[in-house]
Protein backbone atom coordinates (compact mmCIF):
# COMPACT_ATOMS: atom_id res chain seq x y z
CA MET A 1 0.00 0.00 0.00
CA ALA A 2 1.37 3.42 -0.96
CA THR A 3 2.10 5.76 1.92
CA ASN A 4 2.90 9.45 2.09
CA ILE A 5 6.30 10.69 3.20
CA LEU A 6 5.42 13.71 5.34
CA MET A 7 7.37 16.88 6.03
CA PRO A 8 8.86 16.26 9.50
CA ALA A 9 8.93 18.62 12.48
CA LEU A 10 12.66 18.67 13.23
CA SER A 11 12.54 21.33 15.97
CA PRO A 12 9.94 22.39 18.55
CA THR A 13 9.34 25.74 16.84
CA MET A 14 9.22 24.42 13.28
CA THR A 15 5.93 24.93 11.44
CA GLU A 16 7.32 24.88 7.93
CA GLY A 17 10.65 24.32 6.24
CA THR A 18 12.57 24.18 2.99
CA LEU A 19 13.21 20.89 1.25
CA ALA A 20 16.85 21.57 0.42
CA ARG A 21 17.48 18.45 -1.64
CA TRP A 22 16.53 14.81 -2.05
CA LEU A 23 19.28 12.26 -1.39
CA LYS A 24 17.22 9.45 -2.95
CA LYS A 25 15.84 9.36 -6.50
CA GLU A 26 12.51 8.07 -7.70
CA GLY A 27 12.67 4.30 -8.02
CA GLU A 28 15.44 3.85 -5.44
CA ALA A 29 14.97 1.43 -2.55
CA VAL A 30 14.59 2.97 0.91
CA LYS A 31 15.26 1.27 4.24
CA ALA A 32 14.19 2.49 7.67
CA GLY A 33 16.96 4.78 8.93
CA ASP A 34 18.20 5.79 5.48
CA VAL A 35 18.83 9.52 5.04
CA ILE A 36 16.50 10.44 2.19
CA ALA A 37 16.52 14.25 2.19
CA GLU A 38 17.99 17.40 3.71
CA ILE A 39 15.53 19.79 5.34
CA GLU A 40 16.24 23.43 6.19
CA THR A 41 14.43 24.14 9.45
CA ASP A 42 14.05 27.38 11.37
CA LYS A 43 17.37 26.54 13.04
CA ALA A 44 19.63 24.56 10.73
CA THR A 45 19.88 22.20 7.77
CA MET A 46 19.18 18.70 9.03
CA GLU A 47 19.07 15.19 7.64
CA PHE A 48 15.68 13.47 7.34
CA GLU A 49 15.66 9.71 7.91
CA ALA A 50 13.06 7.30 6.56
CA VAL A 51 10.90 5.50 9.13
CA ASP A 52 9.57 2.81 6.77
CA GLU A 53 11.04 0.71 4.01
CA GLY A 54 9.97 0.46 0.39
CA VAL A 55 10.67 2.29 -2.85
CA LEU A 56 10.58 6.05 -3.38
CA GLY A 57 7.79 5.95 -5.92
CA LYS A 58 7.24 9.64 -6.47
CA ILE A 59 8.68 12.98 -5.36
CA LEU A 60 5.90 15.50 -4.70
CA VAL A 61 8.04 18.42 -3.49
CA GLN A 62 11.11 19.31 -5.53
CA ASP A 63 14.55 20.41 -4.33
CA GLY A 64 14.69 23.97 -3.04
CA THR A 65 10.95 24.30 -2.34
CA GLU A 66 10.37 26.78 0.50
CA GLY A 67 7.49 27.10 2.95
CA VAL A 68 6.53 23.42 3.04
CA LYS A 69 4.16 22.95 5.99
CA VAL A 70 4.96 20.35 8.62
CA ASN A 71 3.08 17.07 7.89
CA ASP A 72 2.43 18.01 4.25
CA PRO A 73 3.19 15.11 1.85
CA ILE A 74 6.57 15.52 0.15
CA GLY A 75 6.84 12.10 -1.49
CA ILE A 76 5.19 8.70 -1.92
CA LEU A 77 6.64 5.43 -0.65
CA VAL A 78 5.44 2.23 -2.36
CA GLU A 79 6.26 -1.44 -2.03
CA GLU A 80 8.54 -3.27 -4.40
CA GLY A 81 6.61 -3.84 -7.63
CA GLU A 82 3.63 -1.69 -6.56
CA ALA A 83 2.32 0.90 -8.99
CA VAL A 84 2.60 4.54 -8.00
CA PRO A 85 -0.82 6.20 -7.48
CA SER A 86 -1.85 8.33 -10.43
CA GLY A 87 -2.68 11.36 -8.27
CA ASP A 88 -0.25 13.57 -6.41
CA ALA A 89 -0.74 11.64 -3.17
CA PRO A 90 -2.35 8.50 -1.77
CA LYS A 91 -6.01 8.23 -0.87
CA ALA A 92 -5.78 10.36 2.25
CA ALA A 93 -4.73 13.42 0.27
CA PRO A 94 -8.21 14.58 -0.90
CA LYS A 95 -9.29 15.01 2.73
CA GLN A 96 -6.23 17.12 3.37
CA ALA A 97 -6.73 19.19 0.25
CA ALA A 98 -10.24 20.15 1.37
CA THR A 99 -8.74 22.17 4.22
CA PRO A 100 -5.34 23.34 3.05
CA GLU A 101 -4.60 25.18 6.24
CA SER A 102 -4.92 22.05 8.34
CA LYS A 103 -2.02 19.67 8.77
CA PRO A 104 -2.43 16.14 7.44
CA ALA A 105 -2.46 14.54 10.84
CA ALA A 106 -4.66 11.58 11.63
CA PRO A 107 -8.34 12.57 11.12
CA GLU A 108 -10.43 12.54 14.26
CA GLN A 109 -13.63 11.31 12.60
CA PRO A 110 -13.11 7.62 13.38
CA LYS A 111 -12.64 8.48 17.05
CA ALA A 112 -16.20 9.70 17.19
CA ALA A 113 -17.59 6.23 16.43
CA PRO A 114 -18.43 4.82 19.88
CA ALA A 115 -19.41 1.45 18.47
CA GLN A 116 -15.81 0.83 17.50
CA GLU A 117 -14.20 2.43 20.55
CA SER A 118 -16.35 0.49 22.97
CA LYS A 119 -14.72 -2.81 21.94
CA PRO A 120 -11.97 -3.70 24.41
CA ALA A 121 -8.56 -4.12 22.80
CA PRO A 122 -6.94 -7.53 23.27
CA ALA A 123 -4.61 -7.72 26.27
CA ALA A 124 -1.72 -8.83 24.09
CA GLN A 125 -2.21 -5.86 21.76
CA ALA A 126 -2.43 -2.94 24.16
CA SER A 127 -1.12 -1.98 27.56
CA GLY A 128 -3.14 0.84 29.08
CA ASP A 129 -3.56 3.45 26.35
CA ARG A 130 -0.62 2.21 24.29
CA VAL A 131 -1.28 0.36 21.05
CA PHE A 132 1.41 -1.97 19.72
CA ALA A 133 1.83 -1.65 15.96
CA SER A 134 4.62 -1.63 13.42
CA PRO A 135 5.78 1.80 12.13
CA LEU A 136 4.39 1.02 8.68
CA ALA A 137 1.02 0.01 10.14
CA LYS A 138 0.86 3.26 12.14
CA ARG A 139 1.65 5.36 9.07
CA MET A 140 -0.94 3.52 6.94
CA ALA A 141 -3.59 3.90 9.64
CA GLN A 142 -2.84 7.62 10.02
CA GLN A 143 -3.24 8.28 6.32
CA ALA A 144 -6.37 6.13 6.02
CA GLY A 145 -8.01 7.65 9.10
CA ILE A 146 -8.23 4.35 10.99
CA ASP A 147 -8.25 4.11 14.79
CA LEU A 148 -5.73 1.42 15.73
CA SER A 149 -7.37 0.82 19.12
CA GLY A 150 -10.25 -0.93 17.35
CA ILE A 151 -8.05 -3.36 15.38
CA LYS A 152 -7.04 -6.79 16.64
CA GLY A 153 -3.43 -7.48 15.75
CA SER A 154 -2.40 -10.72 14.07
CA GLY A 155 1.34 -10.24 14.61
CA PRO A 156 3.49 -11.56 17.47
CA ASN A 157 1.93 -10.84 20.87
CA GLY A 158 -1.03 -9.16 19.21
CA ARG A 159 1.09 -6.57 17.36
CA ILE A 160 -0.79 -4.77 14.57
CA VAL A 161 0.88 -5.26 11.21
CA LYS A 162 0.30 -4.02 7.68
CA ALA A 163 -2.21 -6.76 6.79
CA ASP A 164 -4.42 -5.84 9.75
CA VAL A 165 -4.63 -2.21 8.62
CA GLU A 166 -5.36 -3.24 5.04
CA GLY A 167 -8.15 -5.49 6.28
CA ALA A 168 -9.62 -2.71 8.37
CA SER A 169 -9.46 -0.23 5.49
CA SER A 170 -11.36 -2.59 3.18
CA ALA A 171 -14.08 -3.31 5.75
CA PRO A 172 -17.29 -1.21 5.55
CA LYS A 173 -17.14 1.79 7.87
CA PRO A 174 -19.90 2.20 10.51
CA ALA A 175 -22.44 4.89 9.95
CA ALA A 176 -21.83 8.15 11.69
CA GLN A 177 -23.51 8.27 15.08
CA PRO A 178 -26.23 10.85 15.67
CA GLN A 179 -24.51 12.04 18.83
CA ALA A 180 -21.43 13.03 16.88
CA ALA A 181 -23.33 14.69 14.04
CA ALA A 182 -26.19 16.35 15.92
CA PRO A 183 -25.86 20.12 16.03
CA SER A 184 -25.83 21.78 19.40
CA THR A 185 -29.08 23.36 20.53
CA GLN A 186 -27.10 26.18 22.04
CA PRO A 187 -26.23 28.81 19.43
CA GLN A 188 -22.49 28.99 18.96
CA ALA A 189 -20.63 32.23 18.71
CA ALA A 190 -18.91 32.78 15.44
CA ALA A 191 -15.15 32.33 15.53
CA PRO A 192 -13.40 35.69 15.70
CA ALA A 193 -12.01 36.82 12.41
CA PRO A 194 -8.22 36.93 12.29
CA ALA A 195 -6.73 40.32 12.86
CA PRO A 196 -6.00 42.01 9.54
CA LYS A 197 -2.33 42.31 8.69
CA ALA A 198 -0.85 45.75 8.57
CA PRO A 199 -0.49 46.86 4.96
CA ALA A 200 3.03 46.62 3.64
CA PRO A 201 4.71 50.00 3.37
CA THR A 202 4.80 51.52 -0.07
CA ILE A 203 8.42 51.76 -1.15
CA THR A 204 9.08 53.92 -4.18
CA ALA A 205 12.87 54.17 -3.95
CA PRO A 206 14.97 51.69 -5.96
CA HIS A 207 15.46 48.59 -3.84
CA THR A 208 15.99 44.85 -3.74
CA ALA A 209 13.51 42.61 -1.88
CA VAL A 210 15.33 39.77 -0.11
CA PRO A 211 12.81 37.03 0.82
CA ASN A 212 12.73 36.13 4.51
CA SER A 213 14.14 32.67 5.23
CA SER A 214 12.37 30.32 7.65
CA MET A 215 15.04 31.07 10.25
CA ARG A 216 14.65 34.83 9.85
CA LYS A 217 10.87 34.57 10.28
CA VAL A 218 11.24 32.53 13.47
CA ILE A 219 13.87 34.90 14.86
CA ALA A 220 11.56 37.85 14.18
CA ARG A 221 8.60 36.12 15.83
CA ARG A 222 10.47 34.89 18.90
CA LEU A 223 12.27 38.17 19.56
CA SER A 224 9.03 40.13 19.15
CA GLU A 225 7.29 37.79 21.59
CA SER A 226 10.19 38.03 24.04
CA LYS A 227 10.35 41.82 23.99
CA SER A 228 6.57 42.23 24.25
CA THR A 229 5.76 39.52 26.83
CA VAL A 230 8.88 39.26 29.02
CA PRO A 231 9.54 42.17 31.40
CA HIS A 232 13.19 42.89 30.69
CA PHE A 233 15.41 44.39 33.40
CA TYR A 234 19.03 45.44 32.79
CA VAL A 235 22.13 45.87 34.97
CA THR A 236 25.49 47.00 33.56
CA MET A 237 29.02 46.91 34.93
CA ASP A 238 32.48 47.82 33.64
CA ILE A 239 34.93 44.96 34.26
CA GLU A 240 38.71 45.13 34.13
CA ILE A 241 40.18 42.24 32.15
CA ASP A 242 43.96 42.82 32.27
CA ALA A 243 44.44 39.87 34.64
CA LEU A 244 42.20 37.69 32.49
CA LEU A 245 44.14 38.61 29.34
CA LYS A 246 47.42 37.77 31.09
CA LEU A 247 46.10 34.40 32.25
CA ARG A 248 44.88 33.65 28.72
CA ALA A 249 48.27 34.51 27.25
CA ASP A 250 50.11 32.37 29.81
CA LEU A 251 47.85 29.35 29.26
CA ASN A 252 48.08 29.62 25.49
CA ALA A 253 51.89 29.83 25.71
CA ARG A 254 51.93 26.58 27.73
CA ALA A 255 49.39 24.78 25.51
CA PRO A 256 50.61 22.17 22.99
CA LYS A 257 50.52 23.57 19.48
CA GLU A 258 49.64 20.31 17.74
CA GLY A 259 48.05 16.99 18.54
CA PRO A 260 44.85 15.97 20.34
CA GLY A 261 45.61 18.10 23.41
CA ALA A 262 46.26 21.31 21.48
CA PHE A 263 44.09 24.33 22.27
CA LYS A 264 44.04 28.11 22.00
CA LEU A 265 41.83 29.93 24.48
CA SER A 266 39.73 32.92 23.52
CA VAL A 267 38.37 35.59 25.83
CA ASN A 268 34.92 34.14 25.19
CA ASP A 269 36.03 30.74 26.54
CA LEU A 270 37.01 32.33 29.85
CA VAL A 271 33.78 34.35 29.94
CA ILE A 272 31.76 31.13 29.51
CA LYS A 273 33.66 29.46 32.33
CA ALA A 274 33.26 32.49 34.61
CA ALA A 275 29.52 32.72 33.93
CA ALA A 276 29.16 28.98 34.59
CA ARG A 277 30.95 29.34 37.93
CA VAL A 278 28.65 32.18 39.00
CA LEU A 279 25.49 30.41 37.76
CA ARG A 280 26.35 27.49 40.05
CA GLN A 281 26.52 29.97 42.92
CA TYR A 282 23.19 31.60 41.91
CA PRO A 283 20.83 28.80 40.79
CA ASN A 284 17.87 31.20 40.94
CA VAL A 285 19.30 32.96 37.84
CA ASN A 286 19.75 29.65 36.02
CA ALA A 287 15.97 29.42 35.77
CA SER A 288 12.78 29.84 33.75
CA TRP A 289 9.34 31.30 34.44
CA THR A 290 6.09 29.33 34.32
CA ASP A 291 2.68 30.38 35.63
CA ASP A 292 2.81 27.69 38.31
CA ALA A 293 6.44 27.72 39.37
CA ILE A 294 9.92 29.04 38.71
CA ILE A 295 11.98 26.22 37.22
CA GLN A 296 15.55 26.10 38.55
CA TYR A 297 17.84 23.94 36.41
CA HIS A 298 20.17 21.42 38.03
CA ASP A 299 22.75 21.59 35.24
CA VAL A 300 24.55 24.72 34.06
CA ASP A 301 23.91 24.59 30.31
CA ILE A 302 24.99 27.82 28.60
CA SER A 303 23.71 28.83 25.16
CA VAL A 304 26.27 30.86 23.22
CA ALA A 305 25.09 33.07 20.36
CA VAL A 306 26.78 32.31 17.03
CA SER A 307 26.21 34.42 13.92
CA ILE A 308 25.43 32.42 10.78
CA PRO A 309 24.52 33.62 7.27
CA ASP A 310 20.74 33.43 7.80
CA GLY A 311 20.64 34.82 11.33
CA LEU A 312 21.62 33.57 14.75
CA ILE A 313 21.81 30.20 16.49
CA THR A 314 22.74 29.32 20.07
CA PRO A 315 24.67 26.06 20.45
CA ILE A 316 24.93 24.88 24.03
CA ILE A 317 27.91 24.08 26.25
CA ARG A 318 26.39 21.43 28.52
CA LYS A 319 27.46 21.30 32.20
CA ALA A 320 29.88 24.15 31.57
CA ASP A 321 30.70 24.51 35.27
CA GLN A 322 32.12 20.97 35.30
CA LYS A 323 34.43 21.42 32.28
CA GLY A 324 37.92 22.81 32.08
CA LEU A 325 38.92 25.75 29.92
CA ALA A 326 40.55 23.55 27.27
CA ALA A 327 37.41 21.38 26.98
CA ILE A 328 35.15 24.44 26.71
CA SER A 329 37.42 25.98 24.06
CA SER A 330 37.53 22.80 21.95
CA GLU A 331 33.78 22.20 22.23
CA MET A 332 32.90 25.80 21.42
CA LYS A 333 35.07 25.83 18.29
CA ASP A 334 33.48 22.59 17.09
CA LEU A 335 29.91 23.79 17.77
CA ALA A 336 30.51 27.17 16.11
CA SER A 337 32.04 25.54 13.03
CA ARG A 338 29.16 23.10 12.59
CA ALA A 339 26.60 25.84 13.35
CA LYS A 340 27.91 27.93 10.44
CA ALA A 341 27.82 24.83 8.21
CA GLY A 342 24.22 24.06 9.30
CA LYS A 343 25.23 20.68 10.73
CA LEU A 344 24.16 20.95 14.37
CA LYS A 345 21.96 18.26 15.87
CA PRO A 346 18.72 19.40 17.58
CA GLU A 347 19.99 18.49 21.05
CA GLU A 348 23.02 20.72 20.48
CA PHE A 349 21.02 23.96 20.20
CA GLN A 350 17.70 23.22 21.92
CA GLY A 351 17.46 23.91 25.64
CA GLY A 352 19.95 25.73 27.82
CA GLY A 353 19.29 27.69 30.98
CA PHE A 354 21.26 30.90 30.33
CA SER A 355 22.73 32.68 27.28
CA ILE A 356 25.85 34.66 26.43
CA SER A 357 26.06 37.04 23.47
CA ASN A 358 29.60 38.33 22.85
CA MET A 359 30.08 41.13 20.30
CA GLY A 360 33.53 42.09 21.48
CA MET A 361 35.16 40.80 18.30
CA PHE A 362 33.24 43.49 16.40
CA GLY A 363 34.53 46.30 18.60
CA VAL A 364 31.09 46.98 20.11
CA LYS A 365 31.44 49.16 23.21
CA ASP A 366 28.08 48.49 24.87
CA PHE A 367 24.79 46.75 24.07
CA SER A 368 21.79 45.04 25.68
CA ALA A 369 20.66 41.61 24.49
CA ILE A 370 17.09 40.32 24.22
CA ILE A 371 16.26 37.35 26.44
CA ASN A 372 15.94 33.96 24.73
CA PRO A 373 12.73 32.43 26.22
CA PRO A 374 12.14 30.40 28.27
CA GLN A 375 15.48 31.35 29.78
CA ALA A 376 15.49 34.14 32.36
CA GLY A 377 18.85 35.74 31.60
CA ILE A 378 21.36 36.65 28.91
CA LEU A 379 24.75 38.32 29.34
CA ALA A 380 25.86 40.83 26.70
CA VAL A 381 29.66 41.05 26.49
CA SER A 382 31.32 43.99 24.72
CA ALA A 383 34.85 44.66 23.50
CA GLY A 384 37.75 45.18 25.87
CA GLU A 385 39.37 48.59 25.39
CA GLN A 386 41.90 50.66 27.24
CA ARG A 387 40.25 53.37 29.32
CA PRO A 388 41.43 55.87 31.91
CA MET A 389 40.65 54.67 35.44
CA VAL A 390 41.12 56.23 38.87
CA LYS A 391 42.92 53.80 41.20
CA ASN A 392 43.91 54.76 44.74
CA GLY A 393 43.36 58.41 43.91
CA ALA A 394 45.63 58.32 40.85
CA LEU A 395 44.87 58.15 37.14
CA ALA A 396 45.72 54.81 35.50
CA ILE A 397 45.04 52.91 32.31
CA ALA A 398 43.15 49.59 32.36
CA THR A 399 41.60 47.30 29.79
CA VAL A 400 37.87 47.36 30.44
CA MET A 401 34.87 45.61 28.92
CA THR A 402 31.27 46.57 29.57
CA CYS A 403 28.86 43.72 30.36
CA THR A 404 25.07 44.05 30.56
CA LEU A 405 22.88 41.41 32.16
CA SER A 406 19.31 41.22 30.82
CA VAL A 407 16.93 39.30 33.08
CA ASP A 408 13.28 38.32 33.20
CA HIS A 409 12.06 40.44 36.10
CA ARG A 410 9.42 37.83 36.97
CA VAL A 411 12.25 35.45 37.89
CA VAL A 412 15.19 37.68 38.84
CA ASP A 413 14.72 40.73 41.05
CA GLY A 414 16.91 43.80 40.70
CA ALA A 415 18.98 43.05 43.80
CA LEU A 416 19.62 39.48 42.65
CA ALA A 417 20.67 40.67 39.19
CA ALA A 418 23.09 43.15 40.81
CA GLU A 419 24.55 40.43 43.04
CA PHE A 420 25.01 38.12 40.07
CA ILE A 421 26.87 40.58 37.86
CA ALA A 422 28.98 41.75 40.81
CA ALA A 423 30.00 38.12 41.44
CA PHE A 424 30.77 37.73 37.72
CA LYS A 425 32.94 40.87 37.83
CA LYS A 426 34.84 39.48 40.83
CA VAL A 427 35.59 36.18 39.09
CA VAL A 428 36.70 37.85 35.84
CA GLU A 429 38.97 40.31 37.65
CA ASP A 430 40.49 37.43 39.68
CA PRO A 431 40.62 34.75 36.95
CA LEU A 432 42.98 32.43 38.80
CA SER A 433 39.89 31.31 40.72
CA LEU A 434 38.77 29.62 37.51
CA MET A 435 41.70 27.21 37.84
CA LEU A 436 40.57 25.97 41.26
């Protein structure tokens, strides 16, 4: 039986993506686990693995197609020797085409048939609410709109297999029950009309329109939501980094230049380590807001902003407080390199309890960063520059960088934010403490 290959959701925020390219051609055999396509998500370019086996009978969405909705059919998988359906998709497609804005998830109509749901599932087939079925059987049932809980499996231990779904799809369907179809006697309020979009500005000057990528759209949406729904609060301090620069130079001079143990520390590596040390001391900053509770994370996982061609991504240094400077440096270089190549895995950029955005390499003197929800804090790090300072009543020169902590004021009060950045300043100005 032909089945649809659906556009996968490869990140929690993904609603649509770009089918970058197919790695299988029509007529090629496909096994479960084979990489069949590359998908550009709102975060990165990721490999898409097949979940069933068969033959790629037809490609519905061509290479480079943008704006493909999650769960939309992108190809058709058939069995060896099976003819490819003449339409653009298997039988389930007409139902999906009737409501283009809906995603082709399993239809809920069969669930409304109490005659079928009332039959108890065999003990060998189900455990609680879980139904045991092969991946191919699940996919076939989803596309045919069949409720697996009403099917008795003929496979080992009552497992539902392909033949069971085919038998159920050929059986006559029960008539719709009056209870499910009867209109409510209570008049229903009409659904509110969607808010009209603001008209695009009229631009008369010569210009070039650069289409927004999926990543750019998500960045715009998430930052707008963060700035409009999260009460931002900012604290700023100037931090002397002469001692930190000296420690960095000394460690780099001692580091092996080649081989597996070679490393070269950056200022950002030491900033990550310092922030991790202070986050362990202040777990109430390593936190997130929910309506029911403030979530305090047990691990210190720091998201580090990395600029890529389409926008920004934040790979994560996991358990940064437990890692040495050389390990942080090596891991950060690897993550940044793969982020720019679009090769990060979802678990490498999803999550994190705190963020760092460093624009010092661009010579930026001072800036405030927007919080990355659901995190409650982000540290903006600026460039180190020589400035006149008054020390012990005398004028002196010191290398200073300005750091601004942005916090979610629902989670972090002003006094706590001040304590945190003061502790960070103390660690950075006495960097030997990072070696303890």
